[in-house]
Amino acid sequence: MHKEKSRVTAALFFVKKYVSFFTHNIYVSIHSVIAKGEQGQNRTCKHTMGRLNDTRLFGYMVDKAQIALDNETGKSIRAMFHLAVIRSTRFSGENLHMTDKIMYDWPIILSTDPEMIAKIEKLEKYDIVDIKGTFVTKKIIKNTYCKGENGCNACNKVDGNICYIMPIALAKRNREGDIYTEKQAMQEVIANREFSNNIHLIGNLCNPVNYFHDDSVQTSVFQVATDRKYVVTSDNSDIHADFPIIRSYGKQAKKDSICLQKGSTIVIDGYLHTRNFPRKTICSSCGNEFEWKDCTTEIIPFVEEYVAGYIDYETALKNEKQKAAEEGAAYAESIF
């Protein structure tokens, strides 16, 4: 009991520290411009053999939803909020020796459907929410400000991306209609962590795998195109696919790097990982280069299944050994 309380207290401190920045960054930089900054996806990638893009989330409201209103009618036209979810104890390669650790992510939930907006408007901070949805990617314009020692505080418009979950079904899951505190909400999500953060999709690789390896970790990063099962009403009607980033770890990352290639079809059972990362921009007003934090959502696989267009593992290993031998011979020839 004491161990569980200490885990919740530690997680509560981390949540407050992380969400205070993450939510501000999203709402200021994205929510104010998404309506006028939407652009079509500019990708060259074959679409998938089938349509699978299903997300199941069980978490709590970080805050009340942000509601955008139509300037003329005053009606609600868009609802957006962050949902605090917890990763499963399943092994993904990223969570080596940490499968029992409470690890939060904060995916964006966004809808322009009037019926769904009406449901979201009724939700309160710390309400428990169960969502079935689909993963959406979209190119937008983000606002960022020239900060730093030599900054002029001017607003700069920068090309960017937003990744969010479009809810297909949403239900409030508070026990017997209870009003939750943050600690109670966290305990409820922890008790249901095995289905708190899950995604299943099928996609085709848009580019070759980027593989990174140091003394402690192996990582592969690649982008896939996955056909839309549902109409995204807020997006260009000509766009029929989404383009999530996949990040695998450990032995799976190594296997991905030698077996997958552009056009490979892959099925993924994984979870959503939200993170911040630094970007640099040249200020259009003063010419100063300044750094700012952007945010993204990636998919981390628990399990991958190669479907088509891949190199089988044994052949890939032979190819890698042959390539290493050729590179070694070329190097030896260059120094002698």
C-alpha atoms as a PDB file:
ATOM      1  CA  MET A   1       0.000   0.000   0.000  1.00  0.00           C
ATOM      2  CA  HIS A   2       2.794   2.420   0.987  1.00  0.00           C
ATOM      3  CA  LYS A   3       4.718   1.472  -2.160  1.00  0.00           C
ATOM      4  CA  GLU A   4       1.685   2.200  -4.333  1.00  0.00           C
ATOM      5  CA  LYS A   5       1.133   5.599  -2.653  1.00  0.00           C
ATOM      6  CA  SER A   6       4.775   6.603  -3.195  1.00  0.00           C
ATOM      7  CA  ARG A   7       4.552   5.618  -6.866  1.00  0.00           C
ATOM      8  CA  VAL A   8       1.419   7.732  -7.306  1.00  0.00           C
ATOM      9  CA  THR A   9       2.980  10.712  -5.487  1.00  0.00           C
ATOM     10  CA  ALA A  10       6.123  10.553  -7.644  1.00  0.00           C
ATOM     11  CA  ALA A  11       4.086  10.238 -10.805  1.00  0.00           C
ATOM     12  CA  LEU A  12       1.868  13.152  -9.739  1.00  0.00           C
ATOM     13  CA  PHE A  13       4.908  15.441  -9.378  1.00  0.00           C
ATOM     14  CA  PHE A  14       6.203  14.456 -12.834  1.00  0.00           C
ATOM     15  CA  VAL A  15       2.787  14.907 -14.462  1.00  0.00           C
ATOM     16  CA  LYS A  16       2.405  18.464 -13.133  1.00  0.00           C
ATOM     17  CA  LYS A  17       5.922  19.426 -14.222  1.00  0.00           C
ATOM     18  CA  TYR A  18       5.591  17.991 -17.728  1.00  0.00           C
ATOM     19  CA  VAL A  19       1.995  18.906 -18.536  1.00  0.00           C
ATOM     20  CA  SER A  20       2.419  22.563 -17.523  1.00  0.00           C
ATOM     21  CA  PHE A  21       4.805  23.029 -20.445  1.00  0.00           C
ATOM     22  CA  PHE A  22       3.349  20.518 -22.880  1.00  0.00           C
ATOM     23  CA  THR A  23      -0.221  21.817 -22.744  1.00  0.00           C
ATOM     24  CA  HIS A  24       0.850  25.465 -22.976  1.00  0.00           C
ATOM     25  CA  ASN A  25       3.046  24.712 -25.971  1.00  0.00           C
ATOM     26  CA  ILE A  26       0.245  22.885 -27.790  1.00  0.00           C
ATOM     27  CA  TYR A  27      -2.586  25.321 -27.076  1.00  0.00           C
ATOM     28  CA  VAL A  28      -0.637  28.521 -27.779  1.00  0.00           C
ATOM     29  CA  SER A  29       1.287  27.297 -30.819  1.00  0.00           C
ATOM     30  CA  ILE A  30      -1.339  25.090 -32.450  1.00  0.00           C
ATOM     31  CA  HIS A  31      -4.886  25.660 -31.253  1.00  0.00           C
ATOM     32  CA  SER A  32      -4.941  29.293 -32.342  1.00  0.00           C
ATOM     33  CA  VAL A  33      -3.780  28.559 -35.894  1.00  0.00           C
ATOM     34  CA  ILE A  34      -5.037  25.089 -36.774  1.00  0.00           C
ATOM     35  CA  ALA A  35      -8.246  26.358 -38.388  1.00  0.00           C
ATOM     36  CA  LYS A  36      -6.444  28.669 -40.814  1.00  0.00           C
ATOM     37  CA  GLY A  37      -3.125  26.834 -41.022  1.00  0.00           C
ATOM     38  CA  GLU A  38      -4.247  23.439 -42.305  1.00  0.00           C
ATOM     39  CA  GLN A  39      -2.365  22.260 -45.374  1.00  0.00           C
ATOM     40  CA  GLY A  40      -2.442  19.083 -47.417  1.00  0.00           C
ATOM     41  CA  GLN A  41       0.071  16.347 -46.679  1.00  0.00           C
ATOM     42  CA  ASN A  42       2.895  16.452 -49.182  1.00  0.00           C
ATOM     43  CA  ARG A  43       4.109  12.865 -49.221  1.00  0.00           C
ATOM     44  CA  THR A  44       5.147  10.408 -51.910  1.00  0.00           C
ATOM     45  CA  CYS A  45       4.331   6.945 -50.650  1.00  0.00           C
ATOM     46  CA  LYS A  46       2.227   4.035 -51.807  1.00  0.00           C
ATOM     47  CA  HIS A  47      -0.909   3.445 -49.770  1.00  0.00           C
ATOM     48  CA  THR A  48      -1.392   0.312 -47.735  1.00  0.00           C
ATOM     49  CA  MET A  49      -2.898  -3.043 -48.658  1.00  0.00           C
ATOM     50  CA  GLY A  50      -5.641  -2.711 -46.047  1.00  0.00           C
ATOM     51  CA  ARG A  51      -7.054  -0.255 -43.541  1.00  0.00           C
ATOM     52  CA  LEU A  52      -6.155  -0.651 -39.894  1.00  0.00           C
ATOM     53  CA  ASN A  53      -5.705   2.400 -37.694  1.00  0.00           C
ATOM     54  CA  ASP A  54      -7.386   1.772 -34.336  1.00  0.00           C
ATOM     55  CA  THR A  55      -6.532   3.448 -31.032  1.00  0.00           C
ATOM     56  CA  ARG A  56      -7.876   2.580 -27.571  1.00  0.00           C
ATOM     57  CA  LEU A  57      -7.185   5.021 -24.748  1.00  0.00           C
ATOM     58  CA  PHE A  58      -8.267   4.982 -21.100  1.00  0.00           C
ATOM     59  CA  GLY A  59      -7.132   8.009 -19.136  1.00  0.00           C
ATOM     60  CA  TYR A  60      -8.089  11.182 -17.330  1.00  0.00           C
ATOM     61  CA  MET A  61      -8.699  14.747 -18.476  1.00  0.00           C
ATOM     62  CA  VAL A  62      -5.613  16.874 -17.840  1.00  0.00           C
ATOM     63  CA  ASP A  63      -7.859  19.946 -17.972  1.00  0.00           C
ATOM     64  CA  LYS A  64     -11.182  20.979 -19.446  1.00  0.00           C
ATOM     65  CA  ALA A  65     -11.276  20.878 -23.232  1.00  0.00           C
ATOM     66  CA  GLN A  66     -10.413  23.923 -25.328  1.00  0.00           C
ATOM     67  CA  ILE A  67     -13.471  24.800 -27.428  1.00  0.00           C
ATOM     68  CA  ALA A  68     -13.214  26.851 -30.635  1.00  0.00           C
ATOM     69  CA  LEU A  69     -16.291  28.864 -31.642  1.00  0.00           C
ATOM     70  CA  ASP A  70     -17.514  29.978 -35.047  1.00  0.00           C
ATOM     71  CA  ASN A  71     -17.005  33.757 -35.337  1.00  0.00           C
ATOM     72  CA  GLU A  72     -20.395  34.311 -36.949  1.00  0.00           C
ATOM     73  CA  THR A  73     -22.740  31.836 -35.250  1.00  0.00           C
ATOM     74  CA  GLY A  74     -20.958  31.360 -31.927  1.00  0.00           C
ATOM     75  CA  LYS A  75     -21.433  27.600 -32.216  1.00  0.00           C
ATOM     76  CA  SER A  76     -18.762  25.163 -31.057  1.00  0.00           C
ATOM     77  CA  ILE A  77     -16.804  23.944 -34.087  1.00  0.00           C
ATOM     78  CA  ARG A  78     -13.812  22.169 -32.532  1.00  0.00           C
ATOM     79  CA  ALA A  79     -12.893  20.555 -29.210  1.00  0.00           C
ATOM     80  CA  MET A  80      -9.360  19.659 -28.146  1.00  0.00           C
ATOM     81  CA  PHE A  81      -7.856  18.332 -24.928  1.00  0.00           C
ATOM     82  CA  HIS A  82      -5.010  16.222 -23.548  1.00  0.00           C
ATOM     83  CA  LEU A  83      -5.695  12.813 -22.046  1.00  0.00           C
ATOM     84  CA  ALA A  84      -3.252  11.437 -19.473  1.00  0.00           C
ATOM     85  CA  VAL A  85      -2.657   7.751 -20.225  1.00  0.00           C
ATOM     86  CA  ILE A  86      -0.215   5.139 -18.899  1.00  0.00           C
ATOM     87  CA  ARG A  87       1.894   2.667 -20.850  1.00  0.00           C
ATOM     88  CA  SER A  88       1.335  -1.044 -20.462  1.00  0.00           C
ATOM     89  CA  THR A  89       3.795  -3.283 -18.610  1.00  0.00           C
ATOM     90  CA  ARG A  90       4.417  -5.124 -21.910  1.00  0.00           C
ATOM     91  CA  PHE A  91       8.014  -5.067 -23.136  1.00  0.00           C
ATOM     92  CA  SER A  92       8.773  -2.715 -26.032  1.00  0.00           C
ATOM     93  CA  GLY A  93      12.575  -2.505 -25.944  1.00  0.00           C
ATOM     94  CA  GLU A  94      12.382   1.124 -24.804  1.00  0.00           C
ATOM     95  CA  ASN A  95      11.273   0.176 -21.290  1.00  0.00           C
ATOM     96  CA  LEU A  96      14.164  -2.171 -20.481  1.00  0.00           C
ATOM     97  CA  HIS A  97      14.191  -2.847 -16.704  1.00  0.00           C
ATOM     98  CA  MET A  98      11.272  -0.376 -16.350  1.00  0.00           C
ATOM     99  CA  THR A  99       8.173  -2.467 -17.084  1.00  0.00           C
ATOM    100  CA  ASP A 100       6.850  -1.813 -13.554  1.00  0.00           C
ATOM    101  CA  LYS A 101       7.504   1.942 -13.714  1.00  0.00           C
ATOM    102  CA  ILE A 102       4.518   4.276 -14.220  1.00  0.00           C
ATOM    103  CA  MET A 103       5.157   6.085 -17.503  1.00  0.00           C
ATOM    104  CA  TYR A 104       2.689   8.698 -18.721  1.00  0.00           C
ATOM    105  CA  ASP A 105       1.927  10.056 -22.156  1.00  0.00           C
ATOM    106  CA  TRP A 106      -0.425  12.906 -23.079  1.00  0.00           C
ATOM    107  CA  PRO A 107      -1.930  12.447 -26.554  1.00  0.00           C
ATOM    108  CA  ILE A 108      -4.085  15.191 -28.060  1.00  0.00           C
ATOM    109  CA  ILE A 109      -7.758  14.364 -28.569  1.00  0.00           C
ATOM    110  CA  LEU A 110      -9.408  16.538 -31.240  1.00  0.00           C
ATOM    111  CA  SER A 111     -12.837  16.477 -32.872  1.00  0.00           C
ATOM    112  CA  THR A 112     -14.903  18.692 -35.174  1.00  0.00           C
ATOM    113  CA  ASP A 113     -17.963  16.429 -35.067  1.00  0.00           C
ATOM    114  CA  PRO A 114     -20.901  18.315 -33.431  1.00  0.00           C
ATOM    115  CA  GLU A 115     -22.179  15.300 -31.474  1.00  0.00           C
ATOM    116  CA  MET A 116     -18.695  14.454 -30.195  1.00  0.00           C
ATOM    117  CA  ILE A 117     -18.043  18.107 -29.284  1.00  0.00           C
ATOM    118  CA  ALA A 118     -21.251  18.111 -27.227  1.00  0.00           C
ATOM    119  CA  LYS A 119     -19.982  15.095 -25.258  1.00  0.00           C
ATOM    120  CA  ILE A 120     -16.538  16.622 -24.732  1.00  0.00           C
ATOM    121  CA  GLU A 121     -17.975  19.929 -23.489  1.00  0.00           C
ATOM    122  CA  LYS A 122     -19.568  18.059 -20.563  1.00  0.00           C
ATOM    123  CA  LEU A 123     -16.269  16.578 -19.384  1.00  0.00           C
ATOM    124  CA  GLU A 124     -14.537  18.045 -16.332  1.00  0.00           C
ATOM    125  CA  LYS A 125     -10.913  18.087 -15.234  1.00  0.00           C
ATOM    126  CA  TYR A 126      -9.802  14.645 -13.927  1.00  0.00           C
ATOM    127  CA  ASP A 127     -12.819  12.839 -15.400  1.00  0.00           C
ATOM    128  CA  ILE A 128     -12.000   9.281 -16.497  1.00  0.00           C
ATOM    129  CA  VAL A 129     -12.497   8.910 -20.249  1.00  0.00           C
ATOM    130  CA  ASP A 130     -12.557   5.810 -22.463  1.00  0.00           C
ATOM    131  CA  ILE A 131     -11.862   6.477 -26.168  1.00  0.00           C
ATOM    132  CA  LYS A 132     -11.891   4.454 -29.358  1.00  0.00           C
ATOM    133  CA  GLY A 133     -10.351   6.515 -32.135  1.00  0.00           C
ATOM    134  CA  THR A 134      -8.007   6.818 -35.069  1.00  0.00           C
ATOM    135  CA  PHE A 135      -4.520   8.357 -35.307  1.00  0.00           C
ATOM    136  CA  VAL A 136      -4.384  11.481 -37.499  1.00  0.00           C
ATOM    137  CA  THR A 137      -1.409  13.502 -38.786  1.00  0.00           C
ATOM    138  CA  LYS A 138      -1.716  16.948 -40.308  1.00  0.00           C
ATOM    139  CA  LYS A 139       0.606  19.672 -41.560  1.00  0.00           C
ATOM    140  CA  ILE A 140      -0.080  23.042 -39.955  1.00  0.00           C
ATOM    141  CA  ILE A 141       1.518  26.427 -39.294  1.00  0.00           C
ATOM    142  CA  LYS A 142       2.819  26.925 -35.752  1.00  0.00           C
ATOM    143  CA  ASN A 143       3.457  30.207 -33.943  1.00  0.00           C
ATOM    144  CA  THR A 144       6.755  30.533 -32.106  1.00  0.00           C
ATOM    145  CA  TYR A 145       8.441  33.568 -30.579  1.00  0.00           C
ATOM    146  CA  CYS A 146      11.991  34.912 -30.867  1.00  0.00           C
ATOM    147  CA  LYS A 147      13.307  34.436 -27.319  1.00  0.00           C
ATOM    148  CA  GLY A 148      16.732  34.371 -25.735  1.00  0.00           C
ATOM    149  CA  GLU A 149      19.448  36.874 -24.925  1.00  0.00           C
ATOM    150  CA  ASN A 150      19.265  38.558 -28.337  1.00  0.00           C
ATOM    151  CA  GLY A 151      15.600  37.820 -29.028  1.00  0.00           C
ATOM    152  CA  CYS A 152      13.141  40.452 -30.196  1.00  0.00           C
ATOM    153  CA  ASN A 153      10.005  38.539 -29.089  1.00  0.00           C
ATOM    154  CA  ALA A 154       8.574  38.664 -32.610  1.00  0.00           C
ATOM    155  CA  CYS A 155       6.073  35.991 -33.650  1.00  0.00           C
ATOM    156  CA  ASN A 156       7.324  33.635 -36.353  1.00  0.00           C
ATOM    157  CA  LYS A 157       5.127  31.279 -38.363  1.00  0.00           C
ATOM    158  CA  VAL A 158       6.836  27.917 -38.891  1.00  0.00           C
ATOM    159  CA  ASP A 159       5.795  24.822 -40.836  1.00  0.00           C
ATOM    160  CA  GLY A 160       4.985  21.968 -38.503  1.00  0.00           C
ATOM    161  CA  ASN A 161       2.887  18.894 -37.864  1.00  0.00           C
ATOM    162  CA  ILE A 162       0.198  17.949 -35.393  1.00  0.00           C
ATOM    163  CA  CYS A 163      -0.589  14.360 -34.421  1.00  0.00           C
ATOM    164  CA  TYR A 164      -3.831  13.655 -32.613  1.00  0.00           C
ATOM    165  CA  ILE A 165      -6.525  11.089 -31.938  1.00  0.00           C
ATOM    166  CA  MET A 166      -9.887  11.666 -33.610  1.00  0.00           C
ATOM    167  CA  PRO A 167     -12.440   9.977 -31.306  1.00  0.00           C
ATOM    168  CA  ILE A 168     -14.950   7.658 -32.946  1.00  0.00           C
ATOM    169  CA  ALA A 169     -16.531   6.712 -29.608  1.00  0.00           C
ATOM    170  CA  LEU A 170     -16.077   8.380 -26.222  1.00  0.00           C
ATOM    171  CA  ALA A 171     -17.513   7.575 -22.786  1.00  0.00           C
ATOM    172  CA  LYS A 172     -17.052   9.000 -19.303  1.00  0.00           C
ATOM    173  CA  ARG A 173     -16.045   6.195 -16.905  1.00  0.00           C
ATOM    174  CA  ASN A 174     -16.178   7.790 -13.447  1.00  0.00           C
ATOM    175  CA  ARG A 175     -17.347   5.227 -10.919  1.00  0.00           C
ATOM    176  CA  GLU A 176     -20.991   5.858 -10.054  1.00  0.00           C
ATOM    177  CA  GLY A 177     -20.680   9.439 -11.284  1.00  0.00           C
ATOM    178  CA  ASP A 178     -18.009  10.367  -8.717  1.00  0.00           C
ATOM    179  CA  ILE A 179     -16.025  13.605  -8.992  1.00  0.00           C
ATOM    180  CA  TYR A 180     -12.340  12.651  -8.965  1.00  0.00           C
ATOM    181  CA  THR A 181      -9.286  14.366  -7.511  1.00  0.00           C
ATOM    182  CA  GLU A 182      -6.090  14.124  -9.530  1.00  0.00           C
ATOM    183  CA  LYS A 183      -4.677  11.394  -7.276  1.00  0.00           C
ATOM    184  CA  GLN A 184      -7.901   9.368  -7.516  1.00  0.00           C
ATOM    185  CA  ALA A 185      -7.890   9.739 -11.300  1.00  0.00           C
ATOM    186  CA  MET A 186      -4.294   8.560 -11.477  1.00  0.00           C
ATOM    187  CA  GLN A 187      -5.043   5.526  -9.315  1.00  0.00           C
ATOM    188  CA  GLU A 188      -7.980   4.603 -11.540  1.00  0.00           C
ATOM    189  CA  VAL A 189      -5.845   4.782 -14.689  1.00  0.00           C
ATOM    190  CA  ILE A 190      -3.006   2.820 -13.042  1.00  0.00           C
ATOM    191  CA  ALA A 191      -5.467   0.055 -12.181  1.00  0.00           C
ATOM    192  CA  ASN A 192      -6.418  -0.143 -15.878  1.00  0.00           C
ATOM    193  CA  ARG A 193      -3.019   0.490 -17.429  1.00  0.00           C
ATOM    194  CA  GLU A 194      -3.024  -2.603 -19.658  1.00  0.00           C
ATOM    195  CA  PHE A 195      -5.561  -0.975 -21.979  1.00  0.00           C
ATOM    196  CA  SER A 196      -4.798   2.677 -21.188  1.00  0.00           C
ATOM    197  CA  ASN A 197      -2.595   3.318 -24.229  1.00  0.00           C
ATOM    198  CA  ASN A 198      -2.896   1.022 -27.257  1.00  0.00           C
ATOM    199  CA  ILE A 199      -2.781   1.417 -31.037  1.00  0.00           C
ATOM    200  CA  HIS A 200      -2.973  -1.079 -33.920  1.00  0.00           C
ATOM    201  CA  LEU A 201      -2.254  -0.095 -37.507  1.00  0.00           C
ATOM    202  CA  ILE A 202      -1.048  -1.333 -40.881  1.00  0.00           C
ATOM    203  CA  GLY A 203       1.146   0.848 -43.065  1.00  0.00           C
ATOM    204  CA  ASN A 204       3.691   1.041 -45.867  1.00  0.00           C
ATOM    205  CA  LEU A 205       7.150   2.507 -45.283  1.00  0.00           C
ATOM    206  CA  CYS A 206       7.563   5.935 -46.891  1.00  0.00           C
ATOM    207  CA  ASN A 207      11.367   5.926 -46.682  1.00  0.00           C
ATOM    208  CA  PRO A 208      14.311   3.731 -45.661  1.00  0.00           C
ATOM    209  CA  VAL A 209      14.788   3.003 -41.958  1.00  0.00           C
ATOM    210  CA  ASN A 210      17.097   5.310 -39.980  1.00  0.00           C
ATOM    211  CA  TYR A 211      19.107   3.173 -37.543  1.00  0.00           C
ATOM    212  CA  PHE A 212      21.041   4.485 -34.523  1.00  0.00           C
ATOM    213  CA  HIS A 213      23.234   2.438 -32.204  1.00  0.00           C
ATOM    214  CA  ASP A 214      25.326   3.426 -29.202  1.00  0.00           C
ATOM    215  CA  ASP A 215      26.637   1.506 -26.200  1.00  0.00           C
ATOM    216  CA  SER A 216      23.270   1.396 -24.431  1.00  0.00           C
ATOM    217  CA  VAL A 217      20.470   1.381 -26.997  1.00  0.00           C
ATOM    218  CA  GLN A 218      19.537   0.471 -30.558  1.00  0.00           C
ATOM    219  CA  THR A 219      16.874   2.603 -32.234  1.00  0.00           C
ATOM    220  CA  SER A 220      15.183   2.549 -35.633  1.00  0.00           C
ATOM    221  CA  VAL A 221      12.963   5.366 -36.895  1.00  0.00           C
ATOM    222  CA  PHE A 222      10.752   5.252 -39.972  1.00  0.00           C
ATOM    223  CA  GLN A 223       7.544   6.739 -41.323  1.00  0.00           C
ATOM    224  CA  VAL A 224       4.577   4.790 -42.644  1.00  0.00           C
ATOM    225  CA  ALA A 225       1.504   5.671 -44.685  1.00  0.00           C
ATOM    226  CA  THR A 226      -1.730   4.230 -43.352  1.00  0.00           C
ATOM    227  CA  ASP A 227      -5.037   4.572 -45.203  1.00  0.00           C
ATOM    228  CA  ARG A 228      -7.867   6.355 -43.420  1.00  0.00           C
ATOM    229  CA  LYS A 229     -10.876   4.279 -42.404  1.00  0.00           C
ATOM    230  CA  TYR A 230     -12.864   7.380 -41.448  1.00  0.00           C
ATOM    231  CA  VAL A 231     -13.423  10.809 -42.997  1.00  0.00           C
ATOM    232  CA  VAL A 232     -11.476  13.575 -41.220  1.00  0.00           C
ATOM    233  CA  THR A 233     -13.908  16.457 -41.784  1.00  0.00           C
ATOM    234  CA  SER A 234     -11.420  19.148 -40.725  1.00  0.00           C
ATOM    235  CA  ASP A 235      -8.873  18.030 -43.327  1.00  0.00           C
ATOM    236  CA  ASN A 236      -8.552  18.354 -47.085  1.00  0.00           C
ATOM    237  CA  SER A 237     -10.929  15.874 -48.773  1.00  0.00           C
ATOM    238  CA  ASP A 238      -8.134  14.839 -51.151  1.00  0.00           C
ATOM    239  CA  ILE A 239      -6.082  13.411 -48.274  1.00  0.00           C
ATOM    240  CA  HIS A 240      -6.827   9.740 -47.657  1.00  0.00           C
ATOM    241  CA  ALA A 241      -3.863   8.654 -45.508  1.00  0.00           C
ATOM    242  CA  ASP A 242      -1.955   9.534 -42.350  1.00  0.00           C
ATOM    243  CA  PHE A 243       1.801   9.386 -41.843  1.00  0.00           C
ATOM    244  CA  PRO A 244       2.845   8.444 -38.293  1.00  0.00           C
ATOM    245  CA  ILE A 245       6.453   8.085 -37.172  1.00  0.00           C
ATOM    246  CA  ILE A 246       7.407   4.648 -35.796  1.00  0.00           C
ATOM    247  CA  ARG A 247      10.292   4.288 -33.337  1.00  0.00           C
ATOM    248  CA  SER A 248      11.462   0.786 -32.399  1.00  0.00           C
ATOM    249  CA  TYR A 249      14.125  -0.272 -29.885  1.00  0.00           C
ATOM    250  CA  GLY A 250      16.539  -3.077 -29.104  1.00  0.00           C
ATOM    251  CA  LYS A 251      16.587  -6.264 -31.162  1.00  0.00           C
ATOM    252  CA  GLN A 252      13.428  -5.181 -32.996  1.00  0.00           C
ATOM    253  CA  ALA A 253      15.173  -1.980 -34.090  1.00  0.00           C
ATOM    254  CA  LYS A 254      18.089  -3.954 -35.512  1.00  0.00           C
ATOM    255  CA  LYS A 255      15.743  -6.327 -37.324  1.00  0.00           C
ATOM    256  CA  ASP A 256      13.776  -3.393 -38.765  1.00  0.00           C
ATOM    257  CA  SER A 257      16.972  -1.784 -40.041  1.00  0.00           C
ATOM    258  CA  ILE A 258      17.984  -4.807 -42.142  1.00  0.00           C
ATOM    259  CA  CYS A 259      14.611  -6.279 -43.133  1.00  0.00           C
ATOM    260  CA  LEU A 260      12.455  -3.263 -43.931  1.00  0.00           C
ATOM    261  CA  GLN A 261      12.766  -1.035 -46.976  1.00  0.00           C
ATOM    262  CA  LYS A 262      10.758   1.681 -48.679  1.00  0.00           C
ATOM    263  CA  GLY A 263       7.351   0.220 -49.595  1.00  0.00           C
ATOM    264  CA  SER A 264       7.410  -2.612 -47.020  1.00  0.00           C
ATOM    265  CA  THR A 265       4.006  -3.338 -45.483  1.00  0.00           C
ATOM    266  CA  ILE A 266       3.969  -3.772 -41.720  1.00  0.00           C
ATOM    267  CA  VAL A 267       1.378  -4.380 -38.970  1.00  0.00           C
ATOM    268  CA  ILE A 268       2.076  -2.749 -35.599  1.00  0.00           C
ATOM    269  CA  ASP A 269       0.702  -3.372 -32.122  1.00  0.00           C
ATOM    270  CA  GLY A 270       2.045  -0.590 -29.933  1.00  0.00           C
ATOM    271  CA  TYR A 271       1.457   2.549 -27.887  1.00  0.00           C
ATOM    272  CA  LEU A 272       1.563   6.334 -28.309  1.00  0.00           C
ATOM    273  CA  HIS A 273       4.612   8.210 -27.046  1.00  0.00           C
ATOM    274  CA  THR A 274       4.397  12.003 -26.665  1.00  0.00           C
ATOM    275  CA  ARG A 275       7.591  14.010 -26.354  1.00  0.00           C
ATOM    276  CA  ASN A 276       9.138  17.456 -26.784  1.00  0.00           C
ATOM    277  CA  PHE A 277      12.170  18.118 -28.956  1.00  0.00           C
ATOM    278  CA  PRO A 278      14.270  21.230 -29.744  1.00  0.00           C
ATOM    279  CA  ARG A 279      13.976  23.112 -33.058  1.00  0.00           C
ATOM    280  CA  LYS A 280      15.859  26.165 -34.335  1.00  0.00           C
ATOM    281  CA  THR A 281      14.353  29.000 -36.355  1.00  0.00           C
ATOM    282  CA  ILE A 282      15.785  32.153 -37.949  1.00  0.00           C
ATOM    283  CA  CYS A 283      13.663  35.107 -36.833  1.00  0.00           C
ATOM    284  CA  SER A 284      12.013  36.828 -39.816  1.00  0.00           C
ATOM    285  CA  SER A 285      12.197  40.190 -37.981  1.00  0.00           C
ATOM    286  CA  CYS A 286      15.702  40.427 -36.503  1.00  0.00           C
ATOM    287  CA  GLY A 287      17.586  37.537 -38.157  1.00  0.00           C
ATOM    288  CA  ASN A 288      18.493  35.993 -34.809  1.00  0.00           C
ATOM    289  CA  GLU A 289      18.546  32.195 -34.589  1.00  0.00           C
ATOM    290  CA  PHE A 290      16.553  31.002 -31.601  1.00  0.00           C
ATOM    291  CA  GLU A 291      15.698  27.609 -30.185  1.00  0.00           C
ATOM    292  CA  TRP A 292      12.211  26.534 -29.191  1.00  0.00           C
ATOM    293  CA  LYS A 293      10.521  23.321 -28.137  1.00  0.00           C
ATOM    294  CA  ASP A 294       8.186  21.522 -30.496  1.00  0.00           C
ATOM    295  CA  CYS A 295       6.142  18.447 -29.608  1.00  0.00           C
ATOM    296  CA  THR A 296       5.223  15.255 -31.407  1.00  0.00           C
ATOM    297  CA  THR A 297       3.542  11.896 -30.943  1.00  0.00           C
ATOM    298  CA  GLU A 298       5.293   8.726 -32.128  1.00  0.00           C
ATOM    299  CA  ILE A 299       4.246   5.077 -32.115  1.00  0.00           C
ATOM    300  CA  ILE A 300       6.398   2.583 -30.189  1.00  0.00           C
ATOM    301  CA  PRO A 301       5.777  -1.059 -31.201  1.00  0.00           C
ATOM    302  CA  PHE A 302       5.264  -3.885 -28.756  1.00  0.00           C
ATOM    303  CA  VAL A 303       4.938  -6.306 -31.671  1.00  0.00           C
ATOM    304  CA  GLU A 304       5.563  -5.966 -35.411  1.00  0.00           C
ATOM    305  CA  GLU A 305       4.456  -8.273 -38.210  1.00  0.00           C
ATOM    306  CA  TYR A 306       6.078  -7.931 -41.640  1.00  0.00           C
ATOM    307  CA  VAL A 307       3.459  -8.485 -44.350  1.00  0.00           C
ATOM    308  CA  ALA A 308       4.941  -7.712 -47.777  1.00  0.00           C
ATOM    309  CA  GLY A 309       7.895  -6.103 -49.537  1.00  0.00           C
ATOM    310  CA  TYR A 310      10.448  -6.975 -46.848  1.00  0.00           C
ATOM    311  CA  ILE A 311      13.704  -8.953 -46.801  1.00  0.00           C
ATOM    312  CA  ASP A 312      13.522 -12.154 -44.754  1.00  0.00           C
ATOM    313  CA  TYR A 313      15.731 -12.139 -41.667  1.00  0.00           C
ATOM    314  CA  GLU A 314      18.243 -14.823 -42.748  1.00  0.00           C
ATOM    315  CA  THR A 315      18.796 -13.176 -46.122  1.00  0.00           C
ATOM    316  CA  ALA A 316      19.126  -9.778 -44.445  1.00  0.00           C
ATOM    317  CA  LEU A 317      21.816 -11.124 -42.096  1.00  0.00           C
ATOM    318  CA  LYS A 318      23.756 -12.585 -45.028  1.00  0.00           C
ATOM    319  CA  ASN A 319      23.502  -9.289 -46.895  1.00  0.00           C
ATOM    320  CA  GLU A 320      24.754  -7.401 -43.855  1.00  0.00           C
ATOM    321  CA  LYS A 321      27.750  -9.709 -43.374  1.00  0.00           C
ATOM    322  CA  GLN A 322      28.610  -9.457 -47.062  1.00  0.00           C
ATOM    323  CA  LYS A 323      28.359  -5.667 -46.940  1.00  0.00           C
ATOM    324  CA  ALA A 324      30.612  -5.534 -43.857  1.00  0.00           C
ATOM    325  CA  ALA A 325      33.176  -7.777 -45.567  1.00  0.00           C
ATOM    326  CA  GLU A 326      33.178  -5.599 -48.697  1.00  0.00           C
ATOM    327  CA  GLU A 327      33.552  -2.417 -46.659  1.00  0.00           C
ATOM    328  CA  GLY A 328      36.398  -3.993 -44.661  1.00  0.00           C
ATOM    329  CA  ALA A 329      38.180  -5.072 -47.836  1.00  0.00           C
ATOM    330  CA  ALA A 330      37.751  -1.597 -49.352  1.00  0.00           C
ATOM    331  CA  TYR A 331      39.146   0.021 -46.205  1.00  0.00           C
ATOM    332  CA  ALA A 332      42.139  -2.348 -46.095  1.00  0.00           C
ATOM    333  CA  GLU A 333      42.877  -1.612 -49.746  1.00  0.00           C
ATOM    334  CA  SER A 334      42.768   2.143 -49.079  1.00  0.00           C
ATOM    335  CA  ILE A 335      45.440   2.031 -46.347  1.00  0.00           C
ATOM    336  CA  PHE A 336      47.891  -0.411 -47.933  1.00  0.00           C
END
